[in-house]
Amino acid sequence: MQALIEISDKQYLVKTGDRLFVPHQKAEVGNVIDIKPLAHIDQEKTSMKPSGTVQLKVLEHLKDEKVIVFKKKRRKRYQKRNGHRQLMTQVEVL
């Protein structure tokens, strides 16, 4: 069985045992987060009014890959280069 969940305005299709990288969550490593699913999906049918919760176990907090931001204005001798690494949380679906 699969479930559609929403975390920080992003939707994920998950099943038991999946590991995901989601936007940073305010939970300590080892804690369990309960989330209400948006839908349950079986082979035969889809339930849009699901019951129960999906449990996510926090595995670690880390940073995503670096994204380079480069700005330039031609003929004005202006250019700027910045990097950014987004905070992420790795979770496992229980």
PDB file of N, CA and C in Angstrom:
ATOM      1  N   MET A   1       0.839  -1.173   0.000  1.00  0.00           N
ATOM      2  CA  MET A   1       0.000   0.000   0.000  1.00  0.00           C
ATOM      3  C   MET A   1       0.886   1.239   0.000  1.00  0.00           C
ATOM      4  N   GLN A   2       0.471   2.235  -0.733  1.00  0.00           N
ATOM      5  CA  GLN A   2       1.181   3.494  -0.796  1.00  0.00           C
ATOM      6  C   GLN A   2       0.303   4.595  -0.228  1.00  0.00           C
ATOM      7  N   ALA A   3       0.949   5.671   0.190  1.00  0.00           N
ATOM      8  CA  ALA A   3       0.210   6.824   0.708  1.00  0.00           C
ATOM      9  C   ALA A   3       0.818   8.095   0.141  1.00  0.00           C
ATOM     10  N   LEU A   4      -0.025   9.063  -0.087  1.00  0.00           N
ATOM     11  CA  LEU A   4       0.405  10.375  -0.543  1.00  0.00           C
ATOM     12  C   LEU A   4       0.417  11.295   0.666  1.00  0.00           C
ATOM     13  N   ILE A   5       1.607  11.850   0.991  1.00  0.00           N
ATOM     14  CA  ILE A   5       1.730  12.722   2.164  1.00  0.00           C
ATOM     15  C   ILE A   5       2.225  14.092   1.720  1.00  0.00           C
ATOM     16  N   GLU A   6       1.987  15.081   2.579  1.00  0.00           N
ATOM     17  CA  GLU A   6       2.434  16.443   2.304  1.00  0.00           C
ATOM     18  C   GLU A   6       3.273  16.933   3.475  1.00  0.00           C
ATOM     19  N   ILE A   7       4.512  17.362   3.156  1.00  0.00           N
ATOM     20  CA  ILE A   7       5.425  17.902   4.159  1.00  0.00           C
ATOM     21  C   ILE A   7       5.974  19.218   3.625  1.00  0.00           C
ATOM     22  N   SER A   8       5.769  20.292   4.351  1.00  0.00           N
ATOM     23  CA  SER A   8       6.275  21.615   3.978  1.00  0.00           C
ATOM     24  C   SER A   8       5.879  21.997   2.555  1.00  0.00           C
ATOM     25  N   ASP A   9       4.617  21.846   2.205  1.00  0.00           N
ATOM     26  CA  ASP A   9       4.064  22.187   0.891  1.00  0.00           C
ATOM     27  C   ASP A   9       4.643  21.373  -0.259  1.00  0.00           C
ATOM     28  N   LYS A  10       5.228  20.213   0.027  1.00  0.00           N
ATOM     29  CA  LYS A  10       5.711  19.292  -0.994  1.00  0.00           C
ATOM     30  C   LYS A  10       5.018  17.950  -0.782  1.00  0.00           C
ATOM     31  N   GLN A  11       4.644  17.286  -1.871  1.00  0.00           N
ATOM     32  CA  GLN A  11       3.932  16.024  -1.770  1.00  0.00           C
ATOM     33  C   GLN A  11       4.850  14.872  -2.164  1.00  0.00           C
ATOM     34  N   TYR A  12       4.730  13.755  -1.421  1.00  0.00           N
ATOM     35  CA  TYR A  12       5.548  12.567  -1.651  1.00  0.00           C
ATOM     36  C   TYR A  12       4.651  11.341  -1.675  1.00  0.00           C
ATOM     37  N   LEU A  13       4.920  10.424  -2.603  1.00  0.00           N
ATOM     38  CA  LEU A  13       4.241   9.138  -2.661  1.00  0.00           C
ATOM     39  C   LEU A  13       5.160   8.131  -1.987  1.00  0.00           C
ATOM     40  N   VAL A  14       4.735   7.584  -0.844  1.00  0.00           N
ATOM     41  CA  VAL A  14       5.614   6.751  -0.028  1.00  0.00           C
ATOM     42  C   VAL A  14       4.985   5.393   0.256  1.00  0.00           C
ATOM     43  N   LYS A  15       5.846   4.439   0.602  1.00  0.00           N
ATOM     44  CA  LYS A  15       5.416   3.136   1.101  1.00  0.00           C
ATOM     45  C   LYS A  15       6.364   2.757   2.230  1.00  0.00           C
ATOM     46  N   THR A  16       6.057   1.708   2.948  1.00  0.00           N
ATOM     47  CA  THR A  16       6.845   1.306   4.106  1.00  0.00           C
ATOM     48  C   THR A  16       8.284   1.006   3.705  1.00  0.00           C
ATOM     49  N   GLY A  17       9.230   1.556   4.460  1.00  0.00           N
ATOM     50  CA  GLY A  17      10.642   1.305   4.215  1.00  0.00           C
ATOM     51  C   GLY A  17      11.330   2.345   3.355  1.00  0.00           C
ATOM     52  N   ASP A  18      10.583   3.276   2.758  1.00  0.00           N
ATOM     53  CA  ASP A  18      11.192   4.317   1.915  1.00  0.00           C
ATOM     54  C   ASP A  18      11.997   5.286   2.762  1.00  0.00           C
ATOM     55  N   ARG A  19      13.084   5.798   2.175  1.00  0.00           N
ATOM     56  CA  ARG A  19      13.872   6.852   2.803  1.00  0.00           C
ATOM     57  C   ARG A  19      13.795   8.081   1.917  1.00  0.00           C
ATOM     58  N   LEU A  20      13.480   9.231   2.524  1.00  0.00           N
ATOM     59  CA  LEU A  20      13.274  10.473   1.783  1.00  0.00           C
ATOM     60  C   LEU A  20      14.153  11.576   2.339  1.00  0.00           C
ATOM     61  N   PHE A  21      14.444  12.549   1.483  1.00  0.00           N
ATOM     62  CA  PHE A  21      15.045  13.798   1.921  1.00  0.00           C
ATOM     63  C   PHE A  21      13.950  14.848   1.822  1.00  0.00           C
ATOM     64  N   VAL A  22      13.580  15.419   2.961  1.00  0.00           N
ATOM     65  CA  VAL A  22      12.515  16.414   3.020  1.00  0.00           C
ATOM     66  C   VAL A  22      13.105  17.717   3.555  1.00  0.00           C
ATOM     67  N   PRO A  23      12.427  18.854   3.359  1.00  0.00           N
ATOM     68  CA  PRO A  23      12.906  20.105   3.950  1.00  0.00           C
ATOM     69  C   PRO A  23      13.063  19.964   5.465  1.00  0.00           C
ATOM     70  N   HIS A  24      13.956  20.752   6.037  1.00  0.00           N
ATOM     71  CA  HIS A  24      14.334  20.633   7.447  1.00  0.00           C
ATOM     72  C   HIS A  24      13.117  20.620   8.372  1.00  0.00           C
ATOM     73  N   GLN A  25      13.083  19.636   9.266  1.00  0.00           N
ATOM     74  CA  GLN A  25      11.999  19.486  10.239  1.00  0.00           C
ATOM     75  C   GLN A  25      12.544  19.756  11.645  1.00  0.00           C
ATOM     76  N   LYS A  26      11.709  20.330  12.498  1.00  0.00           N
ATOM     77  CA  LYS A  26      12.117  20.627  13.867  1.00  0.00           C
ATOM     78  C   LYS A  26      11.863  19.413  14.752  1.00  0.00           C
ATOM     79  N   ALA A  27      12.632  18.365  14.529  1.00  0.00           N
ATOM     80  CA  ALA A  27      12.545  17.149  15.328  1.00  0.00           C
ATOM     81  C   ALA A  27      13.955  16.620  15.497  1.00  0.00           C
ATOM     82  N   GLU A  28      14.215  16.013  16.641  1.00  0.00           N
ATOM     83  CA  GLU A  28      15.548  15.488  16.895  1.00  0.00           C
ATOM     84  C   GLU A  28      15.722  14.137  16.216  1.00  0.00           C
ATOM     85  N   VAL A  29      16.980  13.757  16.016  1.00  0.00           N
ATOM     86  CA  VAL A  29      17.297  12.471  15.389  1.00  0.00           C
ATOM     87  C   VAL A  29      16.764  11.347  16.267  1.00  0.00           C
ATOM     88  N   GLY A  30      16.040  10.412  15.668  1.00  0.00           N
ATOM     89  CA  GLY A  30      15.453   9.297  16.408  1.00  0.00           C
ATOM     90  C   GLY A  30      13.987   9.499  16.748  1.00  0.00           C
ATOM     91  N   ASN A  31      13.506  10.725  16.679  1.00  0.00           N
ATOM     92  CA  ASN A  31      12.093  10.990  16.964  1.00  0.00           C
ATOM     93  C   ASN A  31      11.204  10.487  15.828  1.00  0.00           C
ATOM     94  N   VAL A  32       9.941  10.246  16.145  1.00  0.00           N
ATOM     95  CA  VAL A  32       8.959   9.793  15.163  1.00  0.00           C
ATOM     96  C   VAL A  32       7.955  10.914  14.937  1.00  0.00           C
ATOM     97  N   ILE A  33       7.698  11.227  13.661  1.00  0.00           N
ATOM     98  CA  ILE A  33       6.749  12.273  13.275  1.00  0.00           C
ATOM     99  C   ILE A  33       5.508  11.599  12.710  1.00  0.00           C
ATOM    100  N   ASP A  34       4.321  12.000  13.177  1.00  0.00           N
ATOM    101  CA  ASP A  34       3.057  11.482  12.646  1.00  0.00           C
ATOM    102  C   ASP A  34       2.485  12.483  11.650  1.00  0.00           C
ATOM    103  N   ILE A  35       2.113  11.997  10.461  1.00  0.00           N
ATOM    104  CA  ILE A  35       1.566  12.858   9.415  1.00  0.00           C
ATOM    105  C   ILE A  35       0.295  12.226   8.876  1.00  0.00           C
ATOM    106  N   LYS A  36      -0.748  13.042   8.687  1.00  0.00           N
ATOM    107  CA  LYS A  36      -1.986  12.540   8.090  1.00  0.00           C
ATOM    108  C   LYS A  36      -1.798  12.455   6.575  1.00  0.00           C
ATOM    109  N   PRO A  37      -2.107  11.318   5.973  1.00  0.00           N
ATOM    110  CA  PRO A  37      -1.957  11.190   4.514  1.00  0.00           C
ATOM    111  C   PRO A  37      -3.083  11.906   3.774  1.00  0.00           C
ATOM    112  N   LEU A  38      -2.773  12.332   2.547  1.00  0.00           N
ATOM    113  CA  LEU A  38      -3.789  12.949   1.693  1.00  0.00           C
ATOM    114  C   LEU A  38      -4.617  11.878   0.984  1.00  0.00           C
ATOM    115  N   ALA A  39      -3.978  10.718   0.687  1.00  0.00           N
ATOM    116  CA  ALA A  39      -4.675   9.632  -0.002  1.00  0.00           C
ATOM    117  C   ALA A  39      -3.951   8.318   0.259  1.00  0.00           C
ATOM    118  N   HIS A  40      -4.721   7.216   0.273  1.00  0.00           N
ATOM    119  CA  HIS A  40      -4.171   5.858   0.312  1.00  0.00           C
ATOM    120  C   HIS A  40      -4.358   5.255  -1.069  1.00  0.00           C
ATOM    121  N   ILE A  41      -3.334   4.579  -1.584  1.00  0.00           N
ATOM    122  CA  ILE A  41      -3.406   4.028  -2.929  1.00  0.00           C
ATOM    123  C   ILE A  41      -3.135   2.528  -2.872  1.00  0.00           C
ATOM    124  N   ASP A  42      -4.110   1.724  -3.310  1.00  0.00           N
ATOM    125  CA  ASP A  42      -3.959   0.280  -3.450  1.00  0.00           C
ATOM    126  C   ASP A  42      -3.889  -0.045  -4.936  1.00  0.00           C
ATOM    127  N   GLN A  43      -3.734  -1.346  -5.247  1.00  0.00           N
ATOM    128  CA  GLN A  43      -3.728  -1.734  -6.659  1.00  0.00           C
ATOM    129  C   GLN A  43      -5.105  -1.548  -7.289  1.00  0.00           C
ATOM    130  N   GLU A  44      -6.172  -1.802  -6.520  1.00  0.00           N
ATOM    131  CA  GLU A  44      -7.493  -1.725  -7.115  1.00  0.00           C
ATOM    132  C   GLU A  44      -8.151  -0.356  -6.991  1.00  0.00           C
ATOM    133  N   LYS A  45      -7.884   0.380  -5.916  1.00  0.00           N
ATOM    134  CA  LYS A  45      -8.623   1.620  -5.711  1.00  0.00           C
ATOM    135  C   LYS A  45      -7.765   2.669  -5.006  1.00  0.00           C
ATOM    136  N   THR A  46      -8.267   3.894  -5.045  1.00  0.00           N
ATOM    137  CA  THR A  46      -7.633   5.018  -4.368  1.00  0.00           C
ATOM    138  C   THR A  46      -8.629   5.619  -3.394  1.00  0.00           C
ATOM    139  N   SER A  47      -8.227   5.765  -2.139  1.00  0.00           N
ATOM    140  CA  SER A  47      -9.098   6.343  -1.127  1.00  0.00           C
ATOM    141  C   SER A  47      -8.663   7.779  -0.867  1.00  0.00           C
ATOM    142  N   MET A  48      -9.528   8.734  -1.208  1.00  0.00           N
ATOM    143  CA  MET A  48      -9.198  10.140  -1.016  1.00  0.00           C
ATOM    144  C   MET A  48      -9.575  10.638   0.374  1.00  0.00           C
ATOM    145  N   LYS A  49     -10.272   9.794   1.174  1.00  0.00           N
ATOM    146  CA  LYS A  49     -10.591  10.149   2.552  1.00  0.00           C
ATOM    147  C   LYS A  49      -9.927   9.120   3.461  1.00  0.00           C
ATOM    148  N   PRO A  50      -8.606   9.192   3.593  1.00  0.00           N
ATOM    149  CA  PRO A  50      -7.890   8.167   4.344  1.00  0.00           C
ATOM    150  C   PRO A  50      -8.056   8.333   5.853  1.00  0.00           C
ATOM    151  N   SER A  51      -7.814   7.251   6.552  1.00  0.00           N
ATOM    152  CA  SER A  51      -7.813   7.296   8.011  1.00  0.00           C
ATOM    153  C   SER A  51      -6.432   6.861   8.486  1.00  0.00           C
ATOM    154  N   GLY A  52      -6.132   7.170   9.726  1.00  0.00           N
ATOM    155  CA  GLY A  52      -4.841   6.787  10.285  1.00  0.00           C
ATOM    156  C   GLY A  52      -3.768   7.824  10.010  1.00  0.00           C
ATOM    157  N   THR A  53      -2.527   7.445  10.317  1.00  0.00           N
ATOM    158  CA  THR A  53      -1.397   8.336  10.115  1.00  0.00           C
ATOM    159  C   THR A  53      -0.238   7.575   9.491  1.00  0.00           C
ATOM    160  N   VAL A  54       0.689   8.326   8.931  1.00  0.00           N
ATOM    161  CA  VAL A  54       1.941   7.779   8.422  1.00  0.00           C
ATOM    162  C   VAL A  54       3.026   8.222   9.393  1.00  0.00           C
ATOM    163  N   GLN A  55       3.837   7.273   9.853  1.00  0.00           N
ATOM    164  CA  GLN A  55       4.889   7.589  10.810  1.00  0.00           C
ATOM    165  C   GLN A  55       6.230   7.687  10.090  1.00  0.00           C
ATOM    166  N   LEU A  56       6.955   8.767  10.371  1.00  0.00           N
ATOM    167  CA  LEU A  56       8.270   8.998   9.790  1.00  0.00           C
ATOM    168  C   LEU A  56       9.293   9.078  10.909  1.00  0.00           C
ATOM    169  N   LYS A  57      10.379   8.324  10.791  1.00  0.00           N
ATOM    170  CA  LYS A  57      11.452   8.356  11.788  1.00  0.00           C
ATOM    171  C   LYS A  57      12.578   9.224  11.245  1.00  0.00           C
ATOM    172  N   VAL A  58      13.030  10.203  12.032  1.00  0.00           N
ATOM    173  CA  VAL A  58      14.095  11.114  11.618  1.00  0.00           C
ATOM    174  C   VAL A  58      15.432  10.384  11.735  1.00  0.00           C
ATOM    175  N   LEU A  59      16.158  10.276  10.617  1.00  0.00           N
ATOM    176  CA  LEU A  59      17.445   9.590  10.597  1.00  0.00           C
ATOM    177  C   LEU A  59      18.610  10.557  10.799  1.00  0.00           C
ATOM    178  N   GLU A  60      18.594  11.693  10.085  1.00  0.00           N
ATOM    179  CA  GLU A  60      19.671  12.669  10.250  1.00  0.00           C
ATOM    180  C   GLU A  60      19.283  14.008   9.636  1.00  0.00           C
ATOM    181  N   HIS A  61      20.011  15.051  10.047  1.00  0.00           N
ATOM    182  CA  HIS A  61      19.881  16.382   9.476  1.00  0.00           C
ATOM    183  C   HIS A  61      21.151  16.655   8.685  1.00  0.00           C
ATOM    184  N   LEU A  62      21.002  17.188   7.477  1.00  0.00           N
ATOM    185  CA  LEU A  62      22.168  17.454   6.636  1.00  0.00           C
ATOM    186  C   LEU A  62      21.864  18.592   5.685  1.00  0.00           C
ATOM    187  N   LYS A  63      22.843  18.937   4.858  1.00  0.00           N
ATOM    188  CA  LYS A  63      22.667  19.994   3.873  1.00  0.00           C
ATOM    189  C   LYS A  63      22.612  19.384   2.483  1.00  0.00           C
ATOM    190  N   ASP A  64      21.807  19.992   1.610  1.00  0.00           N
ATOM    191  CA  ASP A  64      21.667  19.554   0.230  1.00  0.00           C
ATOM    192  C   ASP A  64      22.892  20.012  -0.561  1.00  0.00           C
ATOM    193  N   GLU A  65      22.961  19.636  -1.831  1.00  0.00           N
ATOM    194  CA  GLU A  65      24.061  20.058  -2.681  1.00  0.00           C
ATOM    195  C   GLU A  65      24.040  21.574  -2.865  1.00  0.00           C
ATOM    196  N   LYS A  66      25.217  22.136  -3.158  1.00  0.00           N
ATOM    197  CA  LYS A  66      25.331  23.575  -3.302  1.00  0.00           C
ATOM    198  C   LYS A  66      24.726  24.035  -4.629  1.00  0.00           C
ATOM    199  N   VAL A  67      23.969  25.127  -4.539  1.00  0.00           N
ATOM    200  CA  VAL A  67      23.389  25.769  -5.713  1.00  0.00           C
ATOM    201  C   VAL A  67      24.125  27.088  -5.906  1.00  0.00           C
ATOM    202  N   ILE A  68      24.679  27.308  -7.097  1.00  0.00           N
ATOM    203  CA  ILE A  68      25.412  28.533  -7.388  1.00  0.00           C
ATOM    204  C   ILE A  68      24.452  29.571  -7.972  1.00  0.00           C
ATOM    205  N   VAL A  69      24.490  30.777  -7.391  1.00  0.00           N
ATOM    206  CA  VAL A  69      23.677  31.892  -7.874  1.00  0.00           C
ATOM    207  C   VAL A  69      24.645  32.907  -8.464  1.00  0.00           C
ATOM    208  N   PHE A  70      24.531  33.185  -9.773  1.00  0.00           N
ATOM    209  CA  PHE A  70      25.434  34.100 -10.453  1.00  0.00           C
ATOM    210  C   PHE A  70      24.624  35.220 -11.094  1.00  0.00           C
ATOM    211  N   LYS A  71      24.952  36.469 -10.731  1.00  0.00           N
ATOM    212  CA  LYS A  71      24.261  37.631 -11.282  1.00  0.00           C
ATOM    213  C   LYS A  71      25.276  38.461 -12.070  1.00  0.00           C
ATOM    214  N   LYS A  72      24.827  38.977 -13.189  1.00  0.00           N
ATOM    215  CA  LYS A  72      25.721  39.790 -14.011  1.00  0.00           C
ATOM    216  C   LYS A  72      24.912  40.817 -14.790  1.00  0.00           C
ATOM    217  N   LYS A  73      25.460  42.034 -14.878  1.00  0.00           N
ATOM    218  CA  LYS A  73      24.878  43.070 -15.729  1.00  0.00           C
ATOM    219  C   LYS A  73      25.928  43.408 -16.789  1.00  0.00           C
ATOM    220  N   ARG A  74      25.577  43.183 -17.999  1.00  0.00           N
ATOM    221  CA  ARG A  74      26.559  43.395 -19.051  1.00  0.00           C
ATOM    222  C   ARG A  74      26.885  44.875 -19.235  1.00  0.00           C
ATOM    223  N   ARG A  75      28.101  45.135 -19.580  1.00  0.00           N
ATOM    224  CA  ARG A  75      28.657  46.479 -19.826  1.00  0.00           C
ATOM    225  C   ARG A  75      28.641  47.383 -18.608  1.00  0.00           C
ATOM    226  N   LYS A  76      28.369  46.858 -17.430  1.00  0.00           N
ATOM    227  CA  LYS A  76      28.327  47.687 -16.220  1.00  0.00           C
ATOM    228  C   LYS A  76      29.409  47.279 -15.211  1.00  0.00           C
ATOM    229  N   ARG A  77      30.220  46.289 -15.564  1.00  0.00           N
ATOM    230  CA  ARG A  77      31.282  45.772 -14.692  1.00  0.00           C
ATOM    231  C   ARG A  77      30.724  45.279 -13.352  1.00  0.00           C
ATOM    232  N   TYR A  78      29.556  44.663 -13.428  1.00  0.00           N
ATOM    233  CA  TYR A  78      28.945  44.127 -12.202  1.00  0.00           C
ATOM    234  C   TYR A  78      28.731  42.633 -12.377  1.00  0.00           C
ATOM    235  N   GLN A  79      29.277  41.882 -11.456  1.00  0.00           N
ATOM    236  CA  GLN A  79      28.957  40.461 -11.379  1.00  0.00           C
ATOM    237  C   GLN A  79      29.110  40.006  -9.939  1.00  0.00           C
ATOM    238  N   LYS A  80      28.237  39.085  -9.556  1.00  0.00           N
ATOM    239  CA  LYS A  80      28.202  38.614  -8.180  1.00  0.00           C
ATOM    240  C   LYS A  80      27.952  37.113  -8.192  1.00  0.00           C
ATOM    241  N   ARG A  81      28.669  36.376  -7.351  1.00  0.00           N
ATOM    242  CA  ARG A  81      28.537  34.921  -7.298  1.00  0.00           C
ATOM    243  C   ARG A  81      28.309  34.510  -5.847  1.00  0.00           C
ATOM    244  N   ASN A  82      27.238  33.787  -5.606  1.00  0.00           N
ATOM    245  CA  ASN A  82      26.912  33.290  -4.277  1.00  0.00           C
ATOM    246  C   ASN A  82      26.600  31.806  -4.349  1.00  0.00           C
ATOM    247  N   GLY A  83      26.767  31.121  -3.236  1.00  0.00           N
ATOM    248  CA  GLY A  83      26.377  29.723  -3.138  1.00  0.00           C
ATOM    249  C   GLY A  83      25.379  29.558  -2.001  1.00  0.00           C
ATOM    250  N   HIS A  84      24.557  28.524  -2.107  1.00  0.00           N
ATOM    251  CA  HIS A  84      23.546  28.280  -1.077  1.00  0.00           C
ATOM    252  C   HIS A  84      23.361  26.783  -0.906  1.00  0.00           C
ATOM    253  N   ARG A  85      23.300  26.321   0.347  1.00  0.00           N
ATOM    254  CA  ARG A  85      23.015  24.916   0.641  1.00  0.00           C
ATOM    255  C   ARG A  85      21.798  24.857   1.549  1.00  0.00           C
ATOM    256  N   GLN A  86      20.736  24.212   1.057  1.00  0.00           N
ATOM    257  CA  GLN A  86      19.481  24.116   1.795  1.00  0.00           C
ATOM    258  C   GLN A  86      19.582  23.046   2.875  1.00  0.00           C
ATOM    259  N   LEU A  87      19.015  23.316   4.054  1.00  0.00           N
ATOM    260  CA  LEU A  87      18.971  22.321   5.126  1.00  0.00           C
ATOM    261  C   LEU A  87      17.910  21.266   4.821  1.00  0.00           C
ATOM    262  N   MET A  88      18.274  19.999   4.961  1.00  0.00           N
ATOM    263  CA  MET A  88      17.377  18.892   4.659  1.00  0.00           C
ATOM    264  C   MET A  88      17.348  17.927   5.864  1.00  0.00           C
ATOM    265  N   THR A  89      16.314  17.093   5.899  1.00  0.00           N
ATOM    266  CA  THR A  89      16.185  16.041   6.909  1.00  0.00           C
ATOM    267  C   THR A  89      15.920  14.736   6.191  1.00  0.00           C
ATOM    268  N   GLN A  90      16.673  13.698   6.573  1.00  0.00           N
ATOM    269  CA  GLN A  90      16.426  12.373   5.994  1.00  0.00           C
ATOM    270  C   GLN A  90      15.499  11.619   6.931  1.00  0.00           C
ATOM    271  N   VAL A  91      14.408  11.069   6.376  1.00  0.00           N
ATOM    272  CA  VAL A  91      13.422  10.339   7.165  1.00  0.00           C
ATOM    273  C   VAL A  91      13.182   8.963   6.547  1.00  0.00           C
ATOM    274  N   GLU A  92      12.715   8.041   7.387  1.00  0.00           N
ATOM    275  CA  GLU A  92      12.351   6.710   6.936  1.00  0.00           C
ATOM    276  C   GLU A  92      10.884   6.473   7.275  1.00  0.00           C
ATOM    277  N   VAL A  93      10.139   5.893   6.334  1.00  0.00           N
ATOM    278  CA  VAL A  93       8.721   5.644   6.538  1.00  0.00           C
ATOM    279  C   VAL A  93       8.555   4.341   7.319  1.00  0.00           C
ATOM    280  N   LEU A  94       7.845   4.428   8.454  1.00  0.00           N
ATOM    281  CA  LEU A  94       7.589   3.229   9.269  1.00  0.00           C
ATOM    282  C   LEU A  94       6.235   2.673   8.919  1.00  0.00           C
TER     283      LEU A  94
END
